[in-house]
Protein backbone atom coordinates (compact mmCIF):
# COMPACT_ATOMS: atom_id res chain seq x y z
CA LEU A 1 116.99 115.38 96.26
CA GLU A 2 115.58 117.50 93.43
CA HIS A 3 112.84 114.92 92.89
CA TRP A 4 111.92 114.97 96.59
CA VAL A 5 111.45 118.75 96.71
CA SER A 6 109.61 118.92 93.35
CA ARG A 7 106.03 120.12 93.01
CA ASP A 8 104.45 116.68 92.57
CA ALA A 9 106.36 115.23 95.52
CA LEU A 10 106.95 117.17 98.76
CA ASP A 11 106.70 120.56 97.01
CA ILE A 12 109.24 122.49 99.11
CA ASN A 13 108.84 125.99 97.72
CA GLY A 14 112.12 127.87 97.25
CA MET A 15 114.38 124.83 97.30
CA GLY A 16 115.44 124.74 93.68
CA GLU A 17 118.23 123.02 91.79
CA LYS A 18 120.95 125.58 92.64
CA LEU A 19 120.18 125.54 96.35
CA VAL A 20 120.11 121.75 96.47
CA GLN A 21 123.47 121.63 94.68
CA GLN A 22 124.95 124.13 97.12
CA LEU A 23 123.75 122.08 100.09
CA VAL A 24 125.33 118.96 98.59
CA ASP A 25 128.59 120.72 97.68
CA ARG A 26 128.93 122.08 101.21
CA ASP A 27 128.41 118.59 102.61
CA VAL A 28 125.30 119.75 104.50
CA VAL A 29 122.78 117.39 102.91
CA HIS A 30 123.42 113.79 101.86
CA SER A 31 119.89 112.39 101.78
CA VAL A 32 116.34 113.73 101.81
CA ALA A 33 116.14 113.08 105.56
CA ASP A 34 118.92 115.65 106.11
CA ILE A 35 116.61 118.36 104.77
CA TYR A 36 114.58 118.09 107.97
CA ASP A 37 117.64 118.86 110.10
CA LEU A 38 118.22 122.21 108.37
CA THR A 39 117.92 125.32 110.53
CA THR A 40 117.61 129.01 109.73
CA ASP A 41 121.23 129.60 110.76
CA VAL A 42 122.55 126.81 108.54
CA LEU A 43 120.64 128.13 105.53
CA TYR A 44 121.55 131.76 106.28
CA ALA A 45 125.23 130.83 105.99
CA LEU A 46 124.76 129.85 102.34
CA GLU A 47 125.58 132.13 99.41
CA ARG A 48 122.89 134.65 98.41
CA MET A 49 120.71 133.66 101.33
CA GLY A 50 119.06 136.36 103.44
CA ARG A 51 117.63 135.60 106.85
CA LYS A 52 114.03 136.14 105.72
CA LEU A 53 114.50 133.73 102.83
CA ALA A 54 116.11 131.21 105.18
CA GLU A 55 113.12 131.49 107.52
CA LYS A 56 110.71 130.98 104.61
CA LEU A 57 112.59 127.86 103.57
CA VAL A 58 112.47 126.42 107.08
CA SER A 59 108.72 127.09 107.08
CA ALA A 60 108.32 125.41 103.66
CA ILE A 61 110.25 122.39 104.90
CA ALA A 62 107.94 122.17 107.92
CA ASP A 63 104.89 122.45 105.64
CA SER A 64 106.12 119.49 103.58
CA LYS A 65 105.62 117.29 106.63
CA THR A 66 101.87 117.61 106.10
CA LYS A 67 101.97 116.17 102.57
CA PRO A 68 100.07 112.86 102.35
CA TRP A 69 101.62 109.41 102.36
CA SER A 70 101.12 109.04 98.60
CA ARG A 71 103.28 112.12 97.93
CA VAL A 72 105.99 110.86 100.30
CA LEU A 73 105.95 107.49 98.54
CA TYR A 74 106.31 109.18 95.16
CA GLY A 75 109.08 111.39 96.53
CA LEU A 76 111.15 108.37 97.56
CA GLY A 77 112.02 107.92 93.91
CA ILE A 78 111.43 104.18 93.75
CA ARG A 79 112.08 103.01 90.20
CA HIS A 80 108.95 102.86 88.01
CA VAL A 81 106.74 104.40 90.75
CA GLY A 82 105.18 107.58 89.36
CA SER A 83 102.62 109.77 91.10
CA VAL A 84 99.63 107.70 89.90
CA ASN A 85 101.20 104.40 90.96
CA ALA A 86 102.14 105.92 94.31
CA GLN A 87 98.51 106.87 94.89
CA LEU A 88 97.30 103.39 93.95
CA LEU A 89 99.82 101.78 96.29
CA SER A 90 98.98 104.12 99.16
CA GLU A 91 95.31 103.17 98.84
CA LYS A 92 96.06 99.46 99.04
CA PHE A 93 98.76 99.87 101.70
CA PRO A 94 97.68 102.77 103.98
CA SER A 95 100.97 102.79 105.89
CA VAL A 96 104.65 102.41 105.08
CA GLU A 97 104.83 99.38 107.38
CA GLN A 98 102.16 97.57 105.37
CA LEU A 99 103.90 98.29 102.08
CA ALA A 100 107.33 97.36 103.45
CA GLU A 101 106.02 94.00 104.66
CA ALA A 102 104.05 93.21 101.48
CA LYS A 103 105.09 90.38 99.19
CA THR A 104 105.56 90.98 95.47
CA THR A 105 102.33 89.09 94.79
CA ASP A 106 100.43 91.40 97.16
CA ILE A 107 101.86 94.49 95.47
CA GLU A 108 101.21 93.13 91.99
CA SER A 109 97.56 92.52 92.88
CA VAL A 110 96.97 96.30 92.97
CA TYR A 111 95.10 97.55 89.91
CA GLY A 112 97.56 99.22 87.53
CA ILE A 113 100.67 97.73 89.15
CA GLY A 114 102.58 95.17 87.09
CA ALA A 115 105.27 92.65 87.97
CA GLU A 116 108.14 95.03 87.20
CA ILE A 117 106.83 97.76 89.50
CA ALA A 118 105.99 95.24 92.23
CA SER A 119 109.50 93.81 92.13
CA SER A 120 111.04 97.29 92.22
CA VAL A 121 109.01 98.30 95.29
CA TYR A 122 109.69 95.03 97.09
CA GLN A 123 113.44 95.24 96.48
CA TRP A 124 113.60 98.91 97.53
CA PHE A 125 112.30 98.10 101.00
CA ARG A 126 114.83 95.27 101.39
CA ILE A 127 117.81 97.68 101.20
CA PRO A 128 119.13 98.59 104.70
CA ALA A 129 119.94 102.19 103.72
CA ASN A 130 116.34 102.70 102.62
CA GLN A 131 115.04 101.19 105.86
CA THR A 132 117.18 103.70 107.76
CA LEU A 133 115.81 106.52 105.59
CA ILE A 134 112.23 105.54 106.41
CA SER A 135 113.06 105.50 110.13
CA ARG A 136 114.56 108.99 109.90
CA LEU A 137 111.60 110.36 107.94
CA LYS A 138 109.23 108.90 110.51
CA ALA A 139 111.24 110.50 113.33
CA ALA A 140 111.12 113.83 111.46
CA GLY A 141 107.32 113.72 111.41
CA LEU A 142 106.58 112.93 107.76
CA GLN A 143 103.20 111.42 106.86
CA LEU A 144 103.94 107.72 106.36
CA ALA A 145 100.33 106.62 106.68
CA VAL A 146 97.02 107.93 105.40
CA GLU A 147 94.91 110.04 107.72
CA THR A 148 92.53 108.14 110.00
CA LEU A 149 89.35 109.40 108.33
CA TYR A 150 90.70 108.54 104.90
CA THR A 151 91.72 105.08 106.08
CA THR A 152 88.21 104.49 107.39
CA SER A 153 86.75 105.54 104.05
CA LEU A 154 89.01 103.14 102.19
CA GLN A 155 88.01 100.28 104.45
CA ASP A 156 84.31 101.10 104.08
CA PRO A 157 83.62 101.75 100.36
CA ALA A 158 79.98 102.59 101.07
CA SER A 159 81.09 105.65 103.05
CA VAL A 160 82.64 107.47 100.06
CA SER A 161 80.81 108.84 97.04
CA LEU A 162 83.18 107.74 94.27
CA ALA A 163 84.31 104.41 95.70
CA GLY A 164 85.36 101.95 93.02
CA LYS A 165 85.17 104.48 90.18
CA THR A 166 88.10 105.19 87.86
CA PHE A 167 88.57 108.65 86.36
CA VAL A 168 90.81 110.22 83.74
CA ILE A 169 91.24 113.99 83.49
CA THR A 170 91.98 115.76 80.21
CA GLY A 171 92.25 119.38 79.13
CA THR A 172 92.26 122.55 81.24
CA LEU A 173 89.48 122.80 83.82
CA PRO A 174 87.76 126.18 84.46
CA THR A 175 88.71 126.64 88.12
CA LEU A 176 90.45 123.52 89.41
CA LYS A 177 94.04 122.63 88.69
CA ARG A 178 94.44 119.04 87.57
CA ASP A 179 96.17 118.07 90.83
CA GLU A 180 93.31 119.62 92.82
CA ALA A 181 90.67 117.69 90.87
CA LYS A 182 92.70 114.52 91.27
CA GLU A 183 92.96 115.00 95.03
CA LEU A 184 89.20 115.61 95.37
CA ILE A 185 88.42 112.42 93.46
CA GLN A 186 90.87 110.38 95.50
CA LYS A 187 89.58 111.70 98.81
CA ALA A 188 86.09 110.62 97.74
CA GLY A 189 87.35 107.09 97.13
CA GLY A 190 87.86 107.25 93.36
CA LYS A 191 90.97 106.43 91.36
CA VAL A 192 92.65 108.65 88.78
CA THR A 193 94.70 107.12 85.98
CA ASP A 194 96.63 108.64 83.10
CA SER A 195 95.14 106.74 80.18
CA VAL A 196 91.64 105.92 78.95
CA SER A 197 90.69 102.24 78.79
CA LYS A 198 87.64 100.00 79.07
CA LYS A 199 88.12 100.14 82.84
CA THR A 200 87.66 103.94 82.89
CA ASP A 201 84.29 104.97 84.35
CA TYR A 202 84.41 108.72 83.63
CA LEU A 203 86.48 111.20 81.65
CA VAL A 204 86.62 114.68 83.20
CA VAL A 205 86.90 117.09 80.27
CA GLY A 206 88.28 120.62 80.18
CA GLU A 207 89.24 122.98 77.38
CA GLU A 208 91.60 121.77 74.65
CA ALA A 209 90.93 118.12 75.38
CA GLY A 210 92.97 115.87 73.10
CA SER A 211 93.13 112.24 72.06
CA LYS A 212 91.79 111.00 75.40
CA LEU A 213 88.40 112.52 74.57
CA GLU A 214 88.36 110.81 71.18
CA LYS A 215 89.19 107.45 72.72
CA ALA A 216 86.55 107.89 75.43
CA GLN A 217 83.94 108.64 72.77
CA GLN A 218 84.96 105.52 70.84
CA LEU A 219 84.62 103.39 73.98
CA GLY A 220 81.36 105.02 75.05
CA ILE A 221 82.79 106.32 78.31
CA PRO A 222 80.71 109.10 79.95
CA GLN A 223 82.25 112.58 80.01
CA LEU A 224 81.94 115.03 82.87
CA SER A 225 82.50 118.76 83.06
CA GLU A 226 84.13 120.23 86.15
CA ALA A 227 80.69 121.33 87.39
CA GLN A 228 79.28 117.82 86.97
CA LEU A 229 82.24 116.34 88.83
CA LEU A 230 81.69 118.73 91.73
CA GLU A 231 78.00 117.77 91.81
CA MET A 232 78.98 114.10 92.08
CA LEU A 233 81.30 114.93 94.96
CA GLU A 234 78.48 116.70 96.81
CA ASP A 235 76.08 113.75 96.56
């Protein structure tokens, strides 16, 4: 539950560890799907919960329904599937149905996804309780597929500016948060990975860049400033 509401997953502002524990202790929430059944009155009945705060939480829960399929996939907490892997999988499988029906060999064919991750994902979707969870999340209105325009872009690489390019981000950027830069790159068809390798096309460099910059220089990988990245996105 705490993973689901965390910043990198569904980012439900105001639903911290203590509140989650209270909901569990009071037998109100048993799974992440139960969060979407919460009402202002139910939350208001909790300890140290004013009505305005309860209303804000209900609003934050509703806002989480707009988070993209990749964030939902990460939030499911499938073993070995971090935020980067979730993004890679969501690009290859633009809907939960496609991922659920995929064979381990199909999943393993995704760049950056190994046999262990592929097996973990495949097995997760074979568990009846998880299938029920997906059905409930779909009924609640969560994003279990990429947006239509994004899907079109993925199917037509020529229509996106960074299609087929792999980026790594290091250091603190002047105006963009790392997650914001990552999202911009991904929406333009590019991939963002955590480590520099020969397959990396560009390293986006901010202040206090560390060992990733050194490795990129050794491999001869081009470096971009935030401004240069934004120029690429405008082309």
